[in-house]
All heavy atoms as atom14 arrays in JSON, in Angstrom:
{
  "sequence": "KKRFSVYVTESQPDAAGRQMAEALRKLNVPVTEVLDAAVGYVLEKV",
  "atom14_mask": [
    [1, 1, 1, 1, 1, 1, 1, 1, 1, 0, 0, 0, 0, 0],
    [1, 1, 1, 1, 1, 1, 1, 1, 1, 0, 0, 0, 0, 0],
    [1, 1, 1, 1, 1, 1, 1, 1, 1, 1, 1, 0, 0, 0],
    [1, 1, 1, 1, 1, 1, 1, 1, 1, 1, 1, 0, 0, 0],
    [1, 1, 1, 1, 1, 1, 0, 0, 0, 0, 0, 0, 0, 0],
    [1, 1, 1, 1, 1, 1, 1, 0, 0, 0, 0, 0, 0, 0],
    [1, 1, 1, 1, 1, 1, 1, 1, 1, 1, 1, 1, 0, 0],
    [1, 1, 1, 1, 1, 1, 1, 0, 0, 0, 0, 0, 0, 0],
    [1, 1, 1, 1, 1, 1, 1, 0, 0, 0, 0, 0, 0, 0],
    [1, 1, 1, 1, 1, 1, 1, 1, 1, 0, 0, 0, 0, 0],
    [1, 1, 1, 1, 1, 1, 0, 0, 0, 0, 0, 0, 0, 0],
    [1, 1, 1, 1, 1, 1, 1, 1, 1, 0, 0, 0, 0, 0],
    [1, 1, 1, 1, 1, 1, 1, 0, 0, 0, 0, 0, 0, 0],
    [1, 1, 1, 1, 1, 1, 1, 1, 0, 0, 0, 0, 0, 0],
    [1, 1, 1, 1, 1, 0, 0, 0, 0, 0, 0, 0, 0, 0],
    [1, 1, 1, 1, 1, 0, 0, 0, 0, 0, 0, 0, 0, 0],
    [1, 1, 1, 1, 0, 0, 0, 0, 0, 0, 0, 0, 0, 0],
    [1, 1, 1, 1, 1, 1, 1, 1, 1, 1, 1, 0, 0, 0],
    [1, 1, 1, 1, 1, 1, 1, 1, 1, 0, 0, 0, 0, 0],
    [1, 1, 1, 1, 1, 1, 1, 1, 0, 0, 0, 0, 0, 0],
    [1, 1, 1, 1, 1, 0, 0, 0, 0, 0, 0, 0, 0, 0],
    [1, 1, 1, 1, 1, 1, 1, 1, 1, 0, 0, 0, 0, 0],
    [1, 1, 1, 1, 1, 0, 0, 0, 0, 0, 0, 0, 0, 0],
    [1, 1, 1, 1, 1, 1, 1, 1, 0, 0, 0, 0, 0, 0],
    [1, 1, 1, 1, 1, 1, 1, 1, 1, 1, 1, 0, 0, 0],
    [1, 1, 1, 1, 1, 1, 1, 1, 1, 0, 0, 0, 0, 0],
    [1, 1, 1, 1, 1, 1, 1, 1, 0, 0, 0, 0, 0, 0],
    [1, 1, 1, 1, 1, 1, 1, 1, 0, 0, 0, 0, 0, 0],
    [1, 1, 1, 1, 1, 1, 1, 0, 0, 0, 0, 0, 0, 0],
    [1, 1, 1, 1, 1, 1, 1, 0, 0, 0, 0, 0, 0, 0],
    [1, 1, 1, 1, 1, 1, 1, 0, 0, 0, 0, 0, 0, 0],
    [1, 1, 1, 1, 1, 1, 1, 0, 0, 0, 0, 0, 0, 0],
    [1, 1, 1, 1, 1, 1, 1, 1, 1, 0, 0, 0, 0, 0],
    [1, 1, 1, 1, 1, 1, 1, 0, 0, 0, 0, 0, 0, 0],
    [1, 1, 1, 1, 1, 1, 1, 1, 0, 0, 0, 0, 0, 0],
    [1, 1, 1, 1, 1, 1, 1, 1, 0, 0, 0, 0, 0, 0],
    [1, 1, 1, 1, 1, 0, 0, 0, 0, 0, 0, 0, 0, 0],
    [1, 1, 1, 1, 1, 0, 0, 0, 0, 0, 0, 0, 0, 0],
    [1, 1, 1, 1, 1, 1, 1, 0, 0, 0, 0, 0, 0, 0],
    [1, 1, 1, 1, 0, 0, 0, 0, 0, 0, 0, 0, 0, 0],
    [1, 1, 1, 1, 1, 1, 1, 1, 1, 1, 1, 1, 0, 0],
    [1, 1, 1, 1, 1, 1, 1, 0, 0, 0, 0, 0, 0, 0],
    [1, 1, 1, 1, 1, 1, 1, 1, 0, 0, 0, 0, 0, 0],
    [1, 1, 1, 1, 1, 1, 1, 1, 1, 0, 0, 0, 0, 0],
    [1, 1, 1, 1, 1, 1, 1, 1, 1, 0, 0, 0, 0, 0],
    [1, 1, 1, 1, 1, 1, 1, 0, 0, 0, 0, 0, 0, 0]
  ],
  "atom14_positions": [
    [[0.75, -1.29, -0.08], [-0.01, -0.01, 0.0], [0.84, 1.28, -0.03], [0.4, 2.35, 0.58], [-0.94, 0.08, 1.18], [-1.92, -1.17, 1.26], [-3.02, -0.96, 0.23], [-4.09, -2.14, 0.42], [-3.74, -3.4, -0.15], [0.0, 0.0, 0.0], [0.0, 0.0, 0.0], [0.0, 0.0, 0.0], [0.0, 0.0, 0.0], [0.0, 0.0, 0.0]],
    [[2.04, 1.16, -0.6], [2.86, 2.33, -0.64], [2.4, 3.12, -1.95], [2.21, 2.56, -2.95], [4.33, 2.03, -0.83], [4.87, 1.5, 0.45], [6.35, 1.15, 0.36], [6.9, 0.52, 1.66], [8.22, 0.12, 1.57], [0.0, 0.0, 0.0], [0.0, 0.0, 0.0], [0.0, 0.0, 0.0], [0.0, 0.0, 0.0], [0.0, 0.0, 0.0]],
    [[2.45, 4.52, -1.81], [2.11, 5.33, -2.9], [3.39, 5.83, -3.62], [4.24, 6.44, -2.88], [1.17, 6.54, -2.59], [-0.2, 6.04, -2.06], [-0.91, 7.22, -1.33], [-0.15, 7.55, -0.22], [-0.42, 8.58, 0.65], [-1.35, 9.41, 0.31], [0.31, 8.87, 1.69], [0.0, 0.0, 0.0], [0.0, 0.0, 0.0], [0.0, 0.0, 0.0]],
    [[3.59, 5.57, -4.81], [4.79, 6.03, -5.54], [4.48, 6.14, -6.96], [3.47, 5.56, -7.49], [5.97, 5.04, -5.23], [5.71, 3.67, -5.77], [6.11, 3.21, -6.99], [5.08, 2.73, -4.82], [5.87, 1.96, -7.41], [4.91, 1.38, -5.27], [5.2, 1.04, -6.61], [0.0, 0.0, 0.0], [0.0, 0.0, 0.0], [0.0, 0.0, 0.0]],
    [[5.47, 6.83, -7.62], [5.23, 6.98, -9.1], [6.5, 6.62, -9.78], [7.63, 6.69, -9.14], [4.82, 8.38, -9.54], [5.76, 9.27, -9.04], [0.0, 0.0, 0.0], [0.0, 0.0, 0.0], [0.0, 0.0, 0.0], [0.0, 0.0, 0.0], [0.0, 0.0, 0.0], [0.0, 0.0, 0.0], [0.0, 0.0, 0.0], [0.0, 0.0, 0.0]],
    [[6.46, 6.16, -11.02], [7.68, 5.66, -11.71], [7.87, 6.29, -13.13], [6.89, 6.55, -13.8], [7.49, 4.09, -11.95], [8.81, 3.57, -12.68], [7.25, 3.37, -10.64], [0.0, 0.0, 0.0], [0.0, 0.0, 0.0], [0.0, 0.0, 0.0], [0.0, 0.0, 0.0], [0.0, 0.0, 0.0], [0.0, 0.0, 0.0], [0.0, 0.0, 0.0]],
    [[9.1, 6.65, -13.33], [9.54, 7.14, -14.63], [10.25, 5.96, -15.35], [11.14, 5.4, -14.76], [10.48, 8.37, -14.58], [9.74, 9.56, -14.15], [9.83, 9.93, -12.81], [9.18, 10.52, -15.1], [9.31, 11.16, -12.32], [8.57, 11.63, -14.62], [8.61, 11.96, -13.32], [8.04, 13.16, -12.8], [0.0, 0.0, 0.0], [0.0, 0.0, 0.0]],
    [[9.83, 5.52, -16.61], [10.48, 4.37, -17.24], [11.09, 4.97, -18.58], [10.4, 5.59, -19.29], [9.39, 3.28, -17.58], [10.16, 2.1, -18.16], [8.76, 2.76, -16.37], [0.0, 0.0, 0.0], [0.0, 0.0, 0.0], [0.0, 0.0, 0.0], [0.0, 0.0, 0.0], [0.0, 0.0, 0.0], [0.0, 0.0, 0.0], [0.0, 0.0, 0.0]],
    [[12.29, 4.67, -18.77], [12.94, 5.05, -20.06], [12.32, 4.2, -21.19], [12.09, 2.95, -20.99], [14.47, 4.88, -19.99], [14.71, 3.47, -19.57], [15.12, 5.89, -19.16], [0.0, 0.0, 0.0], [0.0, 0.0, 0.0], [0.0, 0.0, 0.0], [0.0, 0.0, 0.0], [0.0, 0.0, 0.0], [0.0, 0.0, 0.0], [0.0, 0.0, 0.0]],
    [[12.29, 4.71, -22.3], [11.75, 4.03, -23.62], [12.67, 2.81, -23.82], [12.18, 1.74, -24.22], [11.77, 5.01, -24.62], [11.04, 4.57, -25.9], [11.07, 5.66, -27.01], [12.15, 6.33, -27.13], [10.07, 5.79, -27.64], [0.0, 0.0, 0.0], [0.0, 0.0, 0.0], [0.0, 0.0, 0.0], [0.0, 0.0, 0.0], [0.0, 0.0, 0.0]],
    [[13.9, 2.96, -23.63], [14.97, 1.91, -23.83], [14.99, 1.36, -25.31], [14.71, 0.29, -25.56], [14.7, 0.78, -22.91], [15.75, -0.1, -22.95], [0.0, 0.0, 0.0], [0.0, 0.0, 0.0], [0.0, 0.0, 0.0], [0.0, 0.0, 0.0], [0.0, 0.0, 0.0], [0.0, 0.0, 0.0], [0.0, 0.0, 0.0], [0.0, 0.0, 0.0]],
    [[15.47, 2.22, -26.22], [15.75, 1.78, -27.57], [17.08, 1.0, -27.5], [17.86, 0.99, -26.61], [15.95, 3.08, -28.45], [14.6, 3.79, -28.56], [13.54, 2.96, -29.4], [13.75, 1.95, -29.87], [12.37, 3.67, -29.36], [0.0, 0.0, 0.0], [0.0, 0.0, 0.0], [0.0, 0.0, 0.0], [0.0, 0.0, 0.0], [0.0, 0.0, 0.0]],
    [[17.3, 0.02, -28.56], [16.66, -0.01, -29.86], [15.4, -0.86, -29.83], [14.74, -0.89, -30.87], [17.8, -0.59, -30.68], [18.52, -1.35, -29.81], [18.56, -0.72, -28.49], [0.0, 0.0, 0.0], [0.0, 0.0, 0.0], [0.0, 0.0, 0.0], [0.0, 0.0, 0.0], [0.0, 0.0, 0.0], [0.0, 0.0, 0.0], [0.0, 0.0, 0.0]],
    [[15.05, -1.57, -28.73], [13.83, -2.42, -28.84], [12.61, -2.0, -28.03], [11.64, -2.62, -27.91], [14.23, -3.93, -28.36], [14.76, -3.92, -26.87], [14.76, -2.78, -26.29], [15.14, -4.99, -26.43], [0.0, 0.0, 0.0], [0.0, 0.0, 0.0], [0.0, 0.0, 0.0], [0.0, 0.0, 0.0], [0.0, 0.0, 0.0], [0.0, 0.0, 0.0]],
    [[12.8, -0.71, -27.52], [11.6, -0.13, -26.77], [11.08, -0.98, -25.71], [9.89, -0.97, -25.44], [10.55, 0.28, -27.78], [0.0, 0.0, 0.0], [0.0, 0.0, 0.0], [0.0, 0.0, 0.0], [0.0, 0.0, 0.0], [0.0, 0.0, 0.0], [0.0, 0.0, 0.0], [0.0, 0.0, 0.0], [0.0, 0.0, 0.0], [0.0, 0.0, 0.0]],
    [[12.0, -1.65, -24.98], [11.57, -2.6, -23.95], [10.85, -1.77, -22.8], [10.13, -2.46, -21.97], [12.77, -3.31, -23.39], [0.0, 0.0, 0.0], [0.0, 0.0, 0.0], [0.0, 0.0, 0.0], [0.0, 0.0, 0.0], [0.0, 0.0, 0.0], [0.0, 0.0, 0.0], [0.0, 0.0, 0.0], [0.0, 0.0, 0.0], [0.0, 0.0, 0.0]],
    [[11.16, -0.5, -22.57], [10.63, 0.25, -21.53], [9.05, 0.36, -21.64], [8.42, 0.5, -20.63], [0.0, 0.0, 0.0], [0.0, 0.0, 0.0], [0.0, 0.0, 0.0], [0.0, 0.0, 0.0], [0.0, 0.0, 0.0], [0.0, 0.0, 0.0], [0.0, 0.0, 0.0], [0.0, 0.0, 0.0], [0.0, 0.0, 0.0], [0.0, 0.0, 0.0]],
    [[8.55, 0.26, -22.87], [7.12, 0.32, -23.0], [6.39, -0.78, -22.35], [5.33, -0.8, -21.81], [6.77, 0.34, -24.59], [7.1, 1.65, -25.18], [6.91, 1.66, -26.69], [7.56, 2.81, -27.29], [7.88, 2.99, -28.63], [7.39, 2.02, -29.43], [8.31, 4.01, -29.05], [0.0, 0.0, 0.0], [0.0, 0.0, 0.0], [0.0, 0.0, 0.0]],
    [[7.08, -2.06, -22.49], [6.54, -3.28, -21.88], [6.43, -3.15, -20.28], [5.53, -3.55, -19.68], [7.47, -4.51, -22.27], [6.96, -5.81, -21.84], [7.88, -6.96, -22.11], [8.86, -6.72, -22.77], [7.55, -8.08, -21.63], [0.0, 0.0, 0.0], [0.0, 0.0, 0.0], [0.0, 0.0, 0.0], [0.0, 0.0, 0.0], [0.0, 0.0, 0.0]],
    [[7.54, -2.51, -19.8], [7.56, -2.21, -18.38], [6.49, -1.27, -17.94], [5.78, -1.5, -16.9], [9.01, -1.61, -18.04], [9.22, -1.4, -16.54], [9.43, -3.02, -15.72], [10.07, -2.38, -14.07], [0.0, 0.0, 0.0], [0.0, 0.0, 0.0], [0.0, 0.0, 0.0], [0.0, 0.0, 0.0], [0.0, 0.0, 0.0], [0.0, 0.0, 0.0]],
    [[6.3, -0.16, -18.71], [5.26, 0.76, -18.45], [3.86, 0.14, -18.43], [3.06, 0.36, -17.61], [5.28, 1.9, -19.41], [0.0, 0.0, 0.0], [0.0, 0.0, 0.0], [0.0, 0.0, 0.0], [0.0, 0.0, 0.0], [0.0, 0.0, 0.0], [0.0, 0.0, 0.0], [0.0, 0.0, 0.0], [0.0, 0.0, 0.0], [0.0, 0.0, 0.0]],
    [[3.6, -0.69, -19.43], [2.34, -1.39, -19.56], [2.1, -2.28, -18.31], [0.99, -2.3, -17.72], [2.36, -2.26, -20.8], [1.0, -2.68, -21.29], [0.03, -1.5, -21.43], [0.34, -0.56, -22.06], [-1.06, -1.7, -20.95], [0.0, 0.0, 0.0], [0.0, 0.0, 0.0], [0.0, 0.0, 0.0], [0.0, 0.0, 0.0], [0.0, 0.0, 0.0]],
    [[3.16, -3.03, -17.85], [2.97, -3.93, -16.74], [2.81, -3.17, -15.37], [1.98, -3.6, -14.6], [4.37, -4.68, -16.57], [0.0, 0.0, 0.0], [0.0, 0.0, 0.0], [0.0, 0.0, 0.0], [0.0, 0.0, 0.0], [0.0, 0.0, 0.0], [0.0, 0.0, 0.0], [0.0, 0.0, 0.0], [0.0, 0.0, 0.0], [0.0, 0.0, 0.0]],
    [[3.36, -1.92, -15.31], [3.11, -1.11, -14.09], [1.73, -0.55, -14.09], [1.1, -0.32, -13.13], [4.19, 0.04, -14.04], [5.56, -0.37, -13.65], [6.65, 0.63, -13.95], [5.63, -0.85, -12.21], [0.0, 0.0, 0.0], [0.0, 0.0, 0.0], [0.0, 0.0, 0.0], [0.0, 0.0, 0.0], [0.0, 0.0, 0.0], [0.0, 0.0, 0.0]],
    [[1.17, -0.27, -15.29], [-0.12, 0.36, -15.45], [-1.15, -0.69, -14.91], [-2.19, -0.39, -14.3], [-0.48, 0.75, -16.83], [0.22, 2.1, -17.2], [-0.25, 2.61, -18.52], [0.58, 3.69, -18.93], [1.51, 3.71, -19.88], [1.78, 2.56, -20.57], [2.31, 4.75, -20.17], [0.0, 0.0, 0.0], [0.0, 0.0, 0.0], [0.0, 0.0, 0.0]],
    [[-0.87, -1.98, -15.22], [-1.76, -3.06, -14.78], [-1.73, -3.23, -13.27], [-2.72, -3.72, -12.67], [-1.32, -4.49, -15.34], [-1.69, -4.6, -16.87], [-1.18, -5.81, -17.46], [-1.47, -5.93, -18.9], [-0.83, -7.02, -19.61], [0.0, 0.0, 0.0], [0.0, 0.0, 0.0], [0.0, 0.0, 0.0], [0.0, 0.0, 0.0], [0.0, 0.0, 0.0]],
    [[-0.7, -2.71, -12.59], [-0.55, -2.76, -11.14], [-1.26, -1.38, -10.55], [-1.19, -1.19, -9.38], [0.83, -2.84, -10.68], [1.59, -4.12, -10.99], [3.03, -3.96, -10.67], [1.0, -5.26, -10.23], [0.0, 0.0, 0.0], [0.0, 0.0, 0.0], [0.0, 0.0, 0.0], [0.0, 0.0, 0.0], [0.0, 0.0, 0.0], [0.0, 0.0, 0.0]],
    [[-1.73, -0.5, -11.42], [-2.34, 0.8, -11.0], [-1.25, 1.62, -10.5], [-1.51, 2.43, -9.52], [-3.47, 0.61, -10.12], [-4.67, -0.1, -10.72], [-4.99, 0.26, -11.92], [-5.29, -1.09, -10.1], [0.0, 0.0, 0.0], [0.0, 0.0, 0.0], [0.0, 0.0, 0.0], [0.0, 0.0, 0.0], [0.0, 0.0, 0.0], [0.0, 0.0, 0.0]],
    [[0.0, 1.59, -10.98], [1.11, 2.44, -10.43], [1.23, 3.58, -11.53], [1.25, 3.34, -12.73], [2.43, 1.7, -10.46], [3.54, 2.57, -10.16], [2.33, 0.53, -9.34], [0.0, 0.0, 0.0], [0.0, 0.0, 0.0], [0.0, 0.0, 0.0], [0.0, 0.0, 0.0], [0.0, 0.0, 0.0], [0.0, 0.0, 0.0], [0.0, 0.0, 0.0]],
    [[1.15, 4.77, -11.07], [1.34, 6.02, -11.94], [2.72, 5.83, -12.71], [3.74, 5.82, -11.96], [1.29, 7.19, -11.07], [0.67, 6.75, -9.8], [0.92, 5.38, -9.63], [0.0, 0.0, 0.0], [0.0, 0.0, 0.0], [0.0, 0.0, 0.0], [0.0, 0.0, 0.0], [0.0, 0.0, 0.0], [0.0, 0.0, 0.0], [0.0, 0.0, 0.0]],
    [[2.65, 5.93, -14.0], [3.87, 5.7, -14.73], [4.05, 6.72, -15.89], [3.09, 7.09, -16.56], [4.03, 4.27, -15.22], [2.87, 3.85, -16.17], [5.36, 3.93, -15.9], [0.0, 0.0, 0.0], [0.0, 0.0, 0.0], [0.0, 0.0, 0.0], [0.0, 0.0, 0.0], [0.0, 0.0, 0.0], [0.0, 0.0, 0.0], [0.0, 0.0, 0.0]],
    [[5.24, 7.18, -16.06], [5.57, 8.1, -17.16], [6.68, 7.59, -18.01], [7.79, 7.24, -17.51], [5.91, 9.58, -16.6], [4.98, 9.93, -15.72], [6.04, 10.6, -17.8], [0.0, 0.0, 0.0], [0.0, 0.0, 0.0], [0.0, 0.0, 0.0], [0.0, 0.0, 0.0], [0.0, 0.0, 0.0], [0.0, 0.0, 0.0], [0.0, 0.0, 0.0]],
    [[6.5, 7.39, -19.29], [7.53, 6.92, -20.22], [8.32, 8.21, -20.6], [7.79, 9.21, -20.96], [6.92, 6.35, -21.56], [6.27, 4.91, -21.28], [5.74, 4.33, -22.47], [6.52, 4.21, -23.46], [4.49, 3.98, -22.49], [0.0, 0.0, 0.0], [0.0, 0.0, 0.0], [0.0, 0.0, 0.0], [0.0, 0.0, 0.0], [0.0, 0.0, 0.0]],
    [[9.7, 8.0, -20.57], [10.45, 9.16, -20.92], [11.52, 8.69, -22.07], [11.84, 7.48, -22.05], [11.34, 9.72, -19.76], [10.4, 10.33, -18.7], [12.23, 8.7, -19.1], [0.0, 0.0, 0.0], [0.0, 0.0, 0.0], [0.0, 0.0, 0.0], [0.0, 0.0, 0.0], [0.0, 0.0, 0.0], [0.0, 0.0, 0.0], [0.0, 0.0, 0.0]],
    [[12.03, 9.65, -22.82], [13.0, 9.32, -23.86], [14.37, 8.91, -23.21], [14.66, 9.44, -22.05], [13.21, 10.56, -24.73], [12.05, 11.01, -25.68], [12.43, 12.37, -26.28], [11.78, 10.04, -26.71], [0.0, 0.0, 0.0], [0.0, 0.0, 0.0], [0.0, 0.0, 0.0], [0.0, 0.0, 0.0], [0.0, 0.0, 0.0], [0.0, 0.0, 0.0]],
    [[15.11, 8.1, -23.75], [16.38, 7.76, -23.21], [17.35, 9.0, -23.08], [18.05, 9.12, -22.16], [17.19, 6.83, -24.22], [16.47, 5.42, -24.22], [15.65, 5.11, -23.35], [16.66, 4.71, -25.17], [0.0, 0.0, 0.0], [0.0, 0.0, 0.0], [0.0, 0.0, 0.0], [0.0, 0.0, 0.0], [0.0, 0.0, 0.0], [0.0, 0.0, 0.0]],
    [[17.24, 9.96, -23.96], [17.99, 11.12, -23.97], [17.5, 12.1, -22.89], [18.17, 13.12, -22.57], [17.95, 11.87, -25.31], [0.0, 0.0, 0.0], [0.0, 0.0, 0.0], [0.0, 0.0, 0.0], [0.0, 0.0, 0.0], [0.0, 0.0, 0.0], [0.0, 0.0, 0.0], [0.0, 0.0, 0.0], [0.0, 0.0, 0.0], [0.0, 0.0, 0.0]],
    [[16.4, 11.88, -22.2], [15.82, 12.73, -21.25], [16.14, 12.31, -19.8], [15.7, 12.82, -18.88], [14.24, 12.8, -21.32], [0.0, 0.0, 0.0], [0.0, 0.0, 0.0], [0.0, 0.0, 0.0], [0.0, 0.0, 0.0], [0.0, 0.0, 0.0], [0.0, 0.0, 0.0], [0.0, 0.0, 0.0], [0.0, 0.0, 0.0], [0.0, 0.0, 0.0]],
    [[17.09, 11.35, -19.63], [17.41, 10.85, -18.3], [17.88, 12.01, -17.4], [17.49, 12.16, -16.23], [18.47, 9.73, -18.33], [19.12, 9.44, -17.03], [17.88, 8.48, -18.88], [0.0, 0.0, 0.0], [0.0, 0.0, 0.0], [0.0, 0.0, 0.0], [0.0, 0.0, 0.0], [0.0, 0.0, 0.0], [0.0, 0.0, 0.0], [0.0, 0.0, 0.0]],
    [[18.82, 12.79, -17.91], [19.32, 13.92, -17.09], [18.28, 14.95, -16.79], [18.34, 15.44, -15.59], [0.0, 0.0, 0.0], [0.0, 0.0, 0.0], [0.0, 0.0, 0.0], [0.0, 0.0, 0.0], [0.0, 0.0, 0.0], [0.0, 0.0, 0.0], [0.0, 0.0, 0.0], [0.0, 0.0, 0.0], [0.0, 0.0, 0.0], [0.0, 0.0, 0.0]],
    [[17.38, 15.11, -17.62], [16.25, 15.99, -17.41], [15.37, 15.59, -16.19], [14.92, 16.46, -15.52], [15.42, 16.24, -18.72], [14.29, 17.18, -18.67], [14.49, 18.54, -18.71], [13.04, 16.63, -18.54], [13.4, 19.39, -18.68], [11.93, 17.55, -18.4], [12.1, 18.88, -18.45], [11.07, 19.74, -18.43], [0.0, 0.0, 0.0], [0.0, 0.0, 0.0]],
    [[15.04, 14.29, -16.32], [14.03, 13.86, -15.19], [14.64, 13.54, -13.93], [14.01, 13.47, -12.83], [13.15, 12.63, -15.67], [12.38, 12.94, -16.88], [14.08, 11.43, -15.91], [0.0, 0.0, 0.0], [0.0, 0.0, 0.0], [0.0, 0.0, 0.0], [0.0, 0.0, 0.0], [0.0, 0.0, 0.0], [0.0, 0.0, 0.0], [0.0, 0.0, 0.0]],
    [[16.03, 13.32, -13.82], [16.63, 12.86, -12.61], [16.46, 13.9, -11.44], [16.39, 13.5, -10.37], [18.15, 12.64, -12.87], [18.43, 11.13, -12.76], [19.69, 10.8, -13.52], [18.33, 10.58, -11.37], [0.0, 0.0, 0.0], [0.0, 0.0, 0.0], [0.0, 0.0, 0.0], [0.0, 0.0, 0.0], [0.0, 0.0, 0.0], [0.0, 0.0, 0.0]],
    [[16.37, 15.25, -11.8], [16.22, 16.24, -10.65], [14.76, 15.99, -9.93], [14.64, 16.37, -8.84], [16.38, 17.6, -11.14], [15.46, 18.04, -12.19], [15.78, 19.49, -12.75], [16.94, 19.77, -12.89], [14.84, 20.17, -12.97], [0.0, 0.0, 0.0], [0.0, 0.0, 0.0], [0.0, 0.0, 0.0], [0.0, 0.0, 0.0], [0.0, 0.0, 0.0]],
    [[13.85, 15.3, -10.7], [12.53, 15.15, -10.09], [12.48, 13.88, -9.28], [11.53, 13.78, -8.46], [11.55, 15.04, -11.25], [11.4, 16.16, -12.1], [10.26, 15.77, -13.22], [10.28, 16.8, -14.34], [9.33, 16.41, -15.42], [0.0, 0.0, 0.0], [0.0, 0.0, 0.0], [0.0, 0.0, 0.0], [0.0, 0.0, 0.0], [0.0, 0.0, 0.0]],
    [[13.37, 12.92, -9.47], [13.17, 11.68, -8.84], [14.0, 11.59, -7.52], [14.89, 12.3, -7.22], [13.67, 10.48, -9.76], [12.82, 10.45, -11.02], [15.14, 10.43, -9.97], [0.0, 0.0, 0.0], [0.0, 0.0, 0.0], [0.0, 0.0, 0.0], [0.0, 0.0, 0.0], [0.0, 0.0, 0.0], [0.0, 0.0, 0.0], [0.0, 0.0, 0.0]]
  ]
}
């Protein structure tokens, strides 16, 4: 019953991060997909 949110990188070249995001949505966990190049940008938020 912990409340948390997750940022998942897209993870190219096979976009495996989308599979992770989908699995987390099934668990009702708030999830945001981010570009691989946006890691530095989102890190200040996490």
